[in-house]
Amino acid sequence: MKIRPLHDRVVVRRKEEEEKTAGGIVLPGAAKEKPNQGEVVAVGEGKQLDNGDVRALGVKVGDTVVFGRYADSNTLKVDGEELIIMSESDIYGVLEG
């Protein structure tokens, strides 16, 4: 099954959670902090402006993005994979290089 987000929505696959801290301490599942980075897997057509024009999104499929810690309130499962659907404005930036 595929998902096609509408308007200015973006579907993101969250990066894997860290198993260890920088000091090498192994974290149990409940103590792990959810990463705030992920890969864009689908994008909508763009935001419709008041004059009827559609502004294209600033992200594309394959981009690695940074988003807020609480953006996962809109999670869904597609083919057993947990994805996050969010508005483009919930994305803080695109990691490059």
PDB file of N, CA and C in Angstrom:
ATOM      1  N   MET A   1       0.848  -1.175   0.000  1.00  0.00           N
ATOM      2  CA  MET A   1       0.000   0.000   0.000  1.00  0.00           C
ATOM      3  C   MET A   1       0.894   1.240   0.000  1.00  0.00           C
ATOM      4  N   LYS A   2       0.461   2.267  -0.702  1.00  0.00           N
ATOM      5  CA  LYS A   2       1.182   3.540  -0.754  1.00  0.00           C
ATOM      6  C   LYS A   2       0.304   4.607  -0.130  1.00  0.00           C
ATOM      7  N   ILE A   3       0.943   5.681   0.312  1.00  0.00           N
ATOM      8  CA  ILE A   3       0.202   6.817   0.841  1.00  0.00           C
ATOM      9  C   ILE A   3       0.582   8.048   0.035  1.00  0.00           C
ATOM     10  N   ARG A   4      -0.413   8.839  -0.324  1.00  0.00           N
ATOM     11  CA  ARG A   4      -0.198  10.084  -1.053  1.00  0.00           C
ATOM     12  C   ARG A   4      -0.743  11.210  -0.187  1.00  0.00           C
ATOM     13  N   PRO A   5       0.154  11.977   0.440  1.00  0.00           N
ATOM     14  CA  PRO A   5      -0.319  13.067   1.297  1.00  0.00           C
ATOM     15  C   PRO A   5      -0.950  14.188   0.469  1.00  0.00           C
ATOM     16  N   LEU A   6      -1.857  14.896   1.087  1.00  0.00           N
ATOM     17  CA  LEU A   6      -2.547  15.994   0.413  1.00  0.00           C
ATOM     18  C   LEU A   6      -1.910  17.339   0.755  1.00  0.00           C
ATOM     19  N   HIS A   7      -2.045  18.279  -0.152  1.00  0.00           N
ATOM     20  CA  HIS A   7      -1.645  19.681   0.022  1.00  0.00           C
ATOM     21  C   HIS A   7      -0.197  19.802   0.490  1.00  0.00           C
ATOM     22  N   ASP A   8       0.039  20.409   1.661  1.00  0.00           N
ATOM     23  CA  ASP A   8       1.413  20.652   2.126  1.00  0.00           C
ATOM     24  C   ASP A   8       1.857  19.627   3.161  1.00  0.00           C
ATOM     25  N   ARG A   9       1.284  18.426   3.109  1.00  0.00           N
ATOM     26  CA  ARG A   9       1.654  17.379   4.059  1.00  0.00           C
ATOM     27  C   ARG A   9       2.852  16.596   3.540  1.00  0.00           C
ATOM     28  N   VAL A  10       3.632  16.053   4.493  1.00  0.00           N
ATOM     29  CA  VAL A  10       4.836  15.288   4.187  1.00  0.00           C
ATOM     30  C   VAL A  10       4.800  14.010   5.022  1.00  0.00           C
ATOM     31  N   VAL A  11       5.182  12.885   4.439  1.00  0.00           N
ATOM     32  CA  VAL A  11       5.280  11.618   5.170  1.00  0.00           C
ATOM     33  C   VAL A  11       6.752  11.328   5.402  1.00  0.00           C
ATOM     34  N   VAL A  12       7.107  11.050   6.678  1.00  0.00           N
ATOM     35  CA  VAL A  12       8.504  10.879   7.070  1.00  0.00           C
ATOM     36  C   VAL A  12       8.675   9.536   7.780  1.00  0.00           C
ATOM     37  N   ARG A  13       9.780   8.844   7.459  1.00  0.00           N
ATOM     38  CA  ARG A  13      10.194   7.636   8.179  1.00  0.00           C
ATOM     39  C   ARG A  13      11.263   8.066   9.181  1.00  0.00           C
ATOM     40  N   ARG A  14      10.963   7.905  10.465  1.00  0.00           N
ATOM     41  CA  ARG A  14      11.881   8.327  11.527  1.00  0.00           C
ATOM     42  C   ARG A  14      13.158   7.485  11.497  1.00  0.00           C
ATOM     43  N   LYS A  15      14.297   8.139  11.793  1.00  0.00           N
ATOM     44  CA  LYS A  15      15.568   7.428  11.919  1.00  0.00           C
ATOM     45  C   LYS A  15      15.482   6.453  13.078  1.00  0.00           C
ATOM     46  N   GLU A  16      16.321   5.442  13.068  1.00  0.00           N
ATOM     47  CA  GLU A  16      16.352   4.460  14.150  1.00  0.00           C
ATOM     48  C   GLU A  16      16.762   5.111  15.459  1.00  0.00           C
ATOM     49  N   GLU A  17      16.207   4.602  16.561  1.00  0.00           N
ATOM     50  CA  GLU A  17      16.532   5.121  17.878  1.00  0.00           C
ATOM     51  C   GLU A  17      17.937   4.690  18.279  1.00  0.00           C
ATOM     52  N   GLU A  18      18.620   5.553  19.037  1.00  0.00           N
ATOM     53  CA  GLU A  18      19.961   5.251  19.514  1.00  0.00           C
ATOM     54  C   GLU A  18      19.890   4.194  20.609  1.00  0.00           C
ATOM     55  N   GLU A  19      20.794   3.223  20.548  1.00  0.00           N
ATOM     56  CA  GLU A  19      20.854   2.160  21.550  1.00  0.00           C
ATOM     57  C   GLU A  19      21.786   2.521  22.704  1.00  0.00           C
ATOM     58  N   LYS A  20      22.797   3.366  22.429  1.00  0.00           N
ATOM     59  CA  LYS A  20      23.790   3.723  23.440  1.00  0.00           C
ATOM     60  C   LYS A  20      23.947   5.233  23.513  1.00  0.00           C
ATOM     61  N   THR A  21      24.362   5.721  24.672  1.00  0.00           N
ATOM     62  CA  THR A  21      24.697   7.131  24.813  1.00  0.00           C
ATOM     63  C   THR A  21      26.099   7.355  24.273  1.00  0.00           C
ATOM     64  N   ALA A  22      26.520   8.610  24.194  1.00  0.00           N
ATOM     65  CA  ALA A  22      27.871   8.920  23.711  1.00  0.00           C
ATOM     66  C   ALA A  22      28.930   8.293  24.613  1.00  0.00           C
ATOM     67  N   GLY A  23      28.614   8.122  25.900  1.00  0.00           N
ATOM     68  CA  GLY A  23      29.549   7.516  26.854  1.00  0.00           C
ATOM     69  C   GLY A  23      29.540   6.005  26.827  1.00  0.00           C
ATOM     70  N   GLY A  24      28.679   5.387  26.001  1.00  0.00           N
ATOM     71  CA  GLY A  24      28.659   3.945  25.854  1.00  0.00           C
ATOM     72  C   GLY A  24      27.649   3.221  26.726  1.00  0.00           C
ATOM     73  N   ILE A  25      26.765   3.950  27.403  1.00  0.00           N
ATOM     74  CA  ILE A  25      25.763   3.326  28.258  1.00  0.00           C
ATOM     75  C   ILE A  25      24.619   2.815  27.385  1.00  0.00           C
ATOM     76  N   VAL A  26      24.258   1.537  27.550  1.00  0.00           N
ATOM     77  CA  VAL A  26      23.163   0.948  26.794  1.00  0.00           C
ATOM     78  C   VAL A  26      21.852   1.387  27.432  1.00  0.00           C
ATOM     79  N   LEU A  27      20.945   1.889  26.609  1.00  0.00           N
ATOM     80  CA  LEU A  27      19.660   2.393  27.097  1.00  0.00           C
ATOM     81  C   LEU A  27      18.559   1.356  26.932  1.00  0.00           C
ATOM     82  N   PRO A  28      17.745   1.168  27.974  1.00  0.00           N
ATOM     83  CA  PRO A  28      16.571   0.309  27.799  1.00  0.00           C
ATOM     84  C   PRO A  28      15.539   1.025  26.933  1.00  0.00           C
ATOM     85  N   GLY A  29      14.573   0.285  26.384  1.00  0.00           N
ATOM     86  CA  GLY A  29      13.584   0.835  25.459  1.00  0.00           C
ATOM     87  C   GLY A  29      12.879   2.075  25.959  1.00  0.00           C
ATOM     88  N   ALA A  30      12.460   2.093  27.227  1.00  0.00           N
ATOM     89  CA  ALA A  30      11.699   3.231  27.754  1.00  0.00           C
ATOM     90  C   ALA A  30      12.549   4.484  27.902  1.00  0.00           C
ATOM     91  N   ALA A  31      13.857   4.329  28.051  1.00  0.00           N
ATOM     92  CA  ALA A  31      14.731   5.485  28.268  1.00  0.00           C
ATOM     93  C   ALA A  31      15.232   6.094  26.972  1.00  0.00           C
ATOM     94  N   LYS A  32      15.009   5.418  25.862  1.00  0.00           N
ATOM     95  CA  LYS A  32      15.493   5.922  24.579  1.00  0.00           C
ATOM     96  C   LYS A  32      14.718   7.167  24.189  1.00  0.00           C
ATOM     97  N   GLU A  33      15.454   8.125  23.673  1.00  0.00           N
ATOM     98  CA  GLU A  33      14.830   9.355  23.186  1.00  0.00           C
ATOM     99  C   GLU A  33      14.541   9.181  21.707  1.00  0.00           C
ATOM    100  N   LYS A  34      13.325   9.492  21.293  1.00  0.00           N
ATOM    101  CA  LYS A  34      12.980   9.338  19.884  1.00  0.00           C
ATOM    102  C   LYS A  34      13.737  10.370  19.061  1.00  0.00           C
ATOM    103  N   PRO A  35      14.379   9.924  17.988  1.00  0.00           N
ATOM    104  CA  PRO A  35      15.113  10.865  17.141  1.00  0.00           C
ATOM    105  C   PRO A  35      14.171  11.868  16.484  1.00  0.00           C
ATOM    106  N   ASN A  36      14.690  13.063  16.243  1.00  0.00           N
ATOM    107  CA  ASN A  36      13.886  14.086  15.590  1.00  0.00           C
ATOM    108  C   ASN A  36      14.366  14.302  14.155  1.00  0.00           C
ATOM    109  N   GLN A  37      14.861  13.220  13.550  1.00  0.00           N
ATOM    110  CA  GLN A  37      15.288  13.245  12.161  1.00  0.00           C
ATOM    111  C   GLN A  37      14.640  12.082  11.432  1.00  0.00           C
ATOM    112  N   GLY A  38      14.464  12.254  10.128  1.00  0.00           N
ATOM    113  CA  GLY A  38      13.900  11.170   9.344  1.00  0.00           C
ATOM    114  C   GLY A  38      14.045  11.431   7.864  1.00  0.00           C
ATOM    115  N   GLU A  39      13.639  10.423   7.089  1.00  0.00           N
ATOM    116  CA  GLU A  39      13.709  10.508   5.633  1.00  0.00           C
ATOM    117  C   GLU A  39      12.313  10.739   5.070  1.00  0.00           C
ATOM    118  N   VAL A  40      12.206  11.687   4.153  1.00  0.00           N
ATOM    119  CA  VAL A  40      10.931  11.976   3.498  1.00  0.00           C
ATOM    120  C   VAL A  40      10.628  10.839   2.525  1.00  0.00           C
ATOM    121  N   VAL A  41       9.432  10.233   2.668  1.00  0.00           N
ATOM    122  CA  VAL A  41       9.046   9.137   1.782  1.00  0.00           C
ATOM    123  C   VAL A  41       7.929   9.522   0.815  1.00  0.00           C
ATOM    124  N   ALA A  42       7.202  10.605   1.103  1.00  0.00           N
ATOM    125  CA  ALA A  42       6.152  11.081   0.189  1.00  0.00           C
ATOM    126  C   ALA A  42       5.847  12.541   0.500  1.00  0.00           C
ATOM    127  N   VAL A  43       5.482  13.308  -0.514  1.00  0.00           N
ATOM    128  CA  VAL A  43       5.118  14.716  -0.332  1.00  0.00           C
ATOM    129  C   VAL A  43       3.829  15.014  -1.093  1.00  0.00           C
ATOM    130  N   GLY A  44       3.081  16.000  -0.595  1.00  0.00           N
ATOM    131  CA  GLY A  44       1.871  16.454  -1.277  1.00  0.00           C
ATOM    132  C   GLY A  44       2.226  17.352  -2.451  1.00  0.00           C
ATOM    133  N   GLU A  45       1.205  17.842  -3.124  1.00  0.00           N
ATOM    134  CA  GLU A  45       1.413  18.674  -4.309  1.00  0.00           C
ATOM    135  C   GLU A  45       1.857  20.085  -3.976  1.00  0.00           C
ATOM    136  N   GLY A  46       1.536  20.569  -2.787  1.00  0.00           N
ATOM    137  CA  GLY A  46       1.934  21.910  -2.393  1.00  0.00           C
ATOM    138  C   GLY A  46       0.815  22.638  -1.691  1.00  0.00           C
ATOM    139  N   LYS A  47       1.143  23.792  -1.163  1.00  0.00           N
ATOM    140  CA  LYS A  47       0.176  24.599  -0.414  1.00  0.00           C
ATOM    141  C   LYS A  47      -0.589  25.500  -1.371  1.00  0.00           C
ATOM    142  N   GLN A  48      -1.906  25.486  -1.249  1.00  0.00           N
ATOM    143  CA  GLN A  48      -2.720  26.357  -2.094  1.00  0.00           C
ATOM    144  C   GLN A  48      -2.773  27.745  -1.460  1.00  0.00           C
ATOM    145  N   LEU A  49      -2.389  28.746  -2.233  1.00  0.00           N
ATOM    146  CA  LEU A  49      -2.369  30.129  -1.776  1.00  0.00           C
ATOM    147  C   LEU A  49      -3.743  30.763  -1.947  1.00  0.00           C
ATOM    148  N   ASP A  50      -3.949  31.910  -1.324  1.00  0.00           N
ATOM    149  CA  ASP A  50      -5.233  32.607  -1.389  1.00  0.00           C
ATOM    150  C   ASP A  50      -5.646  32.964  -2.818  1.00  0.00           C
ATOM    151  N   ASN A  51      -4.656  33.223  -3.685  1.00  0.00           N
ATOM    152  CA  ASN A  51      -4.982  33.594  -5.067  1.00  0.00           C
ATOM    153  C   ASN A  51      -5.212  32.378  -5.968  1.00  0.00           C
ATOM    154  N   GLY A  52      -5.169  31.173  -5.408  1.00  0.00           N
ATOM    155  CA  GLY A  52      -5.428  29.960  -6.170  1.00  0.00           C
ATOM    156  C   GLY A  52      -4.195  29.253  -6.678  1.00  0.00           C
ATOM    157  N   ASP A  53      -3.041  29.929  -6.662  1.00  0.00           N
ATOM    158  CA  ASP A  53      -1.799  29.284  -7.083  1.00  0.00           C
ATOM    159  C   ASP A  53      -1.390  28.230  -6.062  1.00  0.00           C
ATOM    160  N   VAL A  54      -0.579  27.283  -6.505  1.00  0.00           N
ATOM    161  CA  VAL A  54      -0.057  26.246  -5.618  1.00  0.00           C
ATOM    162  C   VAL A  54       1.445  26.458  -5.482  1.00  0.00           C
ATOM    163  N   ARG A  55       1.900  26.611  -4.236  1.00  0.00           N
ATOM    164  CA  ARG A  55       3.329  26.772  -3.964  1.00  0.00           C
ATOM    165  C   ARG A  55       3.919  25.397  -3.700  1.00  0.00           C
ATOM    166  N   ALA A  56       4.922  25.016  -4.494  1.00  0.00           N
ATOM    167  CA  ALA A  56       5.565  23.713  -4.338  1.00  0.00           C
ATOM    168  C   ALA A  56       6.258  23.624  -2.978  1.00  0.00           C
ATOM    169  N   LEU A  57       6.408  22.409  -2.472  1.00  0.00           N
ATOM    170  CA  LEU A  57       7.061  22.208  -1.184  1.00  0.00           C
ATOM    171  C   LEU A  57       8.568  22.373  -1.312  1.00  0.00           C
ATOM    172  N   GLY A  58       9.205  22.697  -0.201  1.00  0.00           N
ATOM    173  CA  GLY A  58      10.654  22.880  -0.173  1.00  0.00           C
ATOM    174  C   GLY A  58      11.418  21.600   0.110  1.00  0.00           C
ATOM    175  N   VAL A  59      10.714  20.490   0.306  1.00  0.00           N
ATOM    176  CA  VAL A  59      11.359  19.198   0.534  1.00  0.00           C
ATOM    177  C   VAL A  59      10.921  18.234  -0.557  1.00  0.00           C
ATOM    178  N   LYS A  60      11.734  17.194  -0.765  1.00  0.00           N
ATOM    179  CA  LYS A  60      11.404  16.194  -1.777  1.00  0.00           C
ATOM    180  C   LYS A  60      11.675  14.806  -1.209  1.00  0.00           C
ATOM    181  N   VAL A  61      11.150  13.802  -1.857  1.00  0.00           N
ATOM    182  CA  VAL A  61      11.350  12.419  -1.433  1.00  0.00           C
ATOM    183  C   VAL A  61      12.850  12.127  -1.389  1.00  0.00           C
ATOM    184  N   GLY A  62      13.292  11.517  -0.299  1.00  0.00           N
ATOM    185  CA  GLY A  62      14.708  11.180  -0.122  1.00  0.00           C
ATOM    186  C   GLY A  62      15.462  12.155   0.759  1.00  0.00           C
ATOM    187  N   ASP A  63      14.929  13.356   0.985  1.00  0.00           N
ATOM    188  CA  ASP A  63      15.585  14.332   1.867  1.00  0.00           C
ATOM    189  C   ASP A  63      15.597  13.824   3.301  1.00  0.00           C
ATOM    190  N   THR A  64      16.677  14.125   4.026  1.00  0.00           N
ATOM    191  CA  THR A  64      16.733  13.870   5.467  1.00  0.00           C
ATOM    192  C   THR A  64      16.383  15.174   6.156  1.00  0.00           C
ATOM    193  N   VAL A  65      15.341  15.143   6.982  1.00  0.00           N
ATOM    194  CA  VAL A  65      14.819  16.361   7.588  1.00  0.00           C
ATOM    195  C   VAL A  65      14.897  16.298   9.109  1.00  0.00           C
ATOM    196  N   VAL A  66      14.865  17.484   9.718  1.00  0.00           N
ATOM    197  CA  VAL A  66      14.826  17.640  11.166  1.00  0.00           C
ATOM    198  C   VAL A  66      13.467  18.227  11.503  1.00  0.00           C
ATOM    199  N   PHE A  67      12.809  17.654  12.517  1.00  0.00           N
ATOM    200  CA  PHE A  67      11.473  18.121  12.898  1.00  0.00           C
ATOM    201  C   PHE A  67      11.368  18.165  14.421  1.00  0.00           C
ATOM    202  N   GLY A  68      10.297  18.738  14.917  1.00  0.00           N
ATOM    203  CA  GLY A  68      10.093  18.876  16.348  1.00  0.00           C
ATOM    204  C   GLY A  68       9.878  17.545  17.039  1.00  0.00           C
ATOM    205  N   ARG A  69      10.194  17.493  18.306  1.00  0.00           N
ATOM    206  CA  ARG A  69      10.078  16.256  19.085  1.00  0.00           C
ATOM    207  C   ARG A  69       8.646  15.752  19.200  1.00  0.00           C
ATOM    208  N   TYR A  70       7.673  16.629  19.077  1.00  0.00           N
ATOM    209  CA  TYR A  70       6.284  16.230  19.272  1.00  0.00           C
ATOM    210  C   TYR A  70       5.526  16.127  17.955  1.00  0.00           C
ATOM    211  N   ALA A  71       6.250  16.009  16.856  1.00  0.00           N
ATOM    212  CA  ALA A  71       5.615  15.904  15.540  1.00  0.00           C
ATOM    213  C   ALA A  71       5.014  14.525  15.310  1.00  0.00           C
ATOM    214  N   ASP A  72       5.297  13.575  16.203  1.00  0.00           N
ATOM    215  CA  ASP A  72       4.829  12.211  15.974  1.00  0.00           C
ATOM    216  C   ASP A  72       3.401  11.969  16.449  1.00  0.00           C
ATOM    217  N   SER A  73       2.652  13.030  16.711  1.00  0.00           N
ATOM    218  CA  SER A  73       1.268  12.835  17.142  1.00  0.00           C
ATOM    219  C   SER A  73       0.405  12.290  16.010  1.00  0.00           C
ATOM    220  N   ASN A  74       0.879  12.378  14.777  1.00  0.00           N
ATOM    221  CA  ASN A  74       0.131  11.883  13.620  1.00  0.00           C
ATOM    222  C   ASN A  74       0.866  10.703  12.991  1.00  0.00           C
ATOM    223  N   THR A  75       1.019   9.626  13.756  1.00  0.00           N
ATOM    224  CA  THR A  75       1.704   8.451  13.221  1.00  0.00           C
ATOM    225  C   THR A  75       0.690   7.500  12.600  1.00  0.00           C
ATOM    226  N   LEU A  76       1.169   6.720  11.629  1.00  0.00           N
ATOM    227  CA  LEU A  76       0.336   5.722  10.998  1.00  0.00           C
ATOM    228  C   LEU A  76       1.206   4.542  10.614  1.00  0.00           C
ATOM    229  N   LYS A  77       0.591   3.388  10.443  1.00  0.00           N
ATOM    230  CA  LYS A  77       1.324   2.194  10.017  1.00  0.00           C
ATOM    231  C   LYS A  77       0.919   1.864   8.589  1.00  0.00           C
ATOM    232  N   VAL A  78       1.918   1.723   7.737  1.00  0.00           N
ATOM    233  CA  VAL A  78       1.714   1.338   6.350  1.00  0.00           C
ATOM    234  C   VAL A  78       2.600   0.127   6.098  1.00  0.00           C
ATOM    235  N   ASP A  79       1.982  -0.998   5.784  1.00  0.00           N
ATOM    236  CA  ASP A  79       2.711  -2.260   5.563  1.00  0.00           C
ATOM    237  C   ASP A  79       3.625  -2.592   6.743  1.00  0.00           C
ATOM    238  N   GLY A  80       3.147  -2.357   7.967  1.00  0.00           N
ATOM    239  CA  GLY A  80       3.902  -2.691   9.172  1.00  0.00           C
ATOM    240  C   GLY A  80       4.967  -1.680   9.550  1.00  0.00           C
ATOM    241  N   GLU A  81       5.137  -0.638   8.763  1.00  0.00           N
ATOM    242  CA  GLU A  81       6.156   0.378   9.031  1.00  0.00           C
ATOM    243  C   GLU A  81       5.494   1.619   9.623  1.00  0.00           C
ATOM    244  N   GLU A  82       6.059   2.129  10.723  1.00  0.00           N
ATOM    245  CA  GLU A  82       5.499   3.320  11.351  1.00  0.00           C
ATOM    246  C   GLU A  82       6.031   4.571  10.666  1.00  0.00           C
ATOM    247  N   LEU A  83       5.106   5.394  10.191  1.00  0.00           N
ATOM    248  CA  LEU A  83       5.444   6.630   9.494  1.00  0.00           C
ATOM    249  C   LEU A  83       4.786   7.808  10.211  1.00  0.00           C
ATOM    250  N   ILE A  84       5.324   8.998   9.995  1.00  0.00           N
ATOM    251  CA  ILE A  84       4.762  10.212  10.570  1.00  0.00           C
ATOM    252  C   ILE A  84       4.257  11.078   9.418  1.00  0.00           C
ATOM    253  N   ILE A  85       3.047  11.587   9.540  1.00  0.00           N
ATOM    254  CA  ILE A  85       2.536  12.527   8.540  1.00  0.00           C
ATOM    255  C   ILE A  85       2.435  13.884   9.218  1.00  0.00           C
ATOM    256  N   MET A  86       3.049  14.892   8.604  1.00  0.00           N
ATOM    257  CA  MET A  86       3.104  16.225   9.214  1.00  0.00           C
ATOM    258  C   MET A  86       2.989  17.288   8.140  1.00  0.00           C
ATOM    259  N   SER A  87       2.682  18.482   8.584  1.00  0.00           N
ATOM    260  CA  SER A  87       2.651  19.620   7.694  1.00  0.00           C
ATOM    261  C   SER A  87       4.093  20.044   7.406  1.00  0.00           C
ATOM    262  N   GLU A  88       4.326  20.616   6.250  1.00  0.00           N
ATOM    263  CA  GLU A  88       5.679  21.080   5.910  1.00  0.00           C
ATOM    264  C   GLU A  88       6.183  22.076   6.948  1.00  0.00           C
ATOM    265  N   SER A  89       5.299  22.851   7.547  1.00  0.00           N
ATOM    266  CA  SER A  89       5.723  23.851   8.535  1.00  0.00           C
ATOM    267  C   SER A  89       6.242  23.218   9.823  1.00  0.00           C
ATOM    268  N   ASP A  90       5.992  21.908  10.044  1.00  0.00           N
ATOM    269  CA  ASP A  90       6.526  21.211  11.215  1.00  0.00           C
ATOM    270  C   ASP A  90       7.980  20.789  11.011  1.00  0.00           C
ATOM    271  N   ILE A  91       8.484  20.937   9.790  1.00  0.00           N
ATOM    272  CA  ILE A  91       9.866  20.571   9.478  1.00  0.00           C
ATOM    273  C   ILE A  91      10.743  21.799   9.675  1.00  0.00           C
ATOM    274  N   TYR A  92      11.810  21.636  10.466  1.00  0.00           N
ATOM    275  CA  TYR A  92      12.716  22.756  10.770  1.00  0.00           C
ATOM    276  C   TYR A  92      13.766  22.960   9.685  1.00  0.00           C
ATOM    277  N   GLY A  93      14.208  21.888   9.049  1.00  0.00           N
ATOM    278  CA  GLY A  93      15.248  22.035   8.038  1.00  0.00           C
ATOM    279  C   GLY A  93      15.591  20.719   7.364  1.00  0.00           C
ATOM    280  N   VAL A  94      16.414  20.812   6.323  1.00  0.00           N
ATOM    281  CA  VAL A  94      16.882  19.659   5.556  1.00  0.00           C
ATOM    282  C   VAL A  94      18.376  19.517   5.803  1.00  0.00           C
ATOM    283  N   LEU A  95      18.812  18.299   6.164  1.00  0.00           N
ATOM    284  CA  LEU A  95      20.234  18.044   6.363  1.00  0.00           C
ATOM    285  C   LEU A  95      20.872  17.786   5.014  1.00  0.00           C
ATOM    286  N   GLU A  96      21.971  18.469   4.747  1.00  0.00           N
ATOM    287  CA  GLU A  96      22.661  18.332   3.468  1.00  0.00           C
ATOM    288  C   GLU A  96      24.105  17.923   3.689  1.00  0.00           C
ATOM    289  N   GLY A  97      24.654  17.207   2.728  1.00  0.00           N
ATOM    290  CA  GLY A  97      26.060  16.861   2.763  1.00  0.00           C
ATOM    291  C   GLY A  97      26.300  15.747   3.630  1.00  0.00           C
TER     292      GLY A  97
END
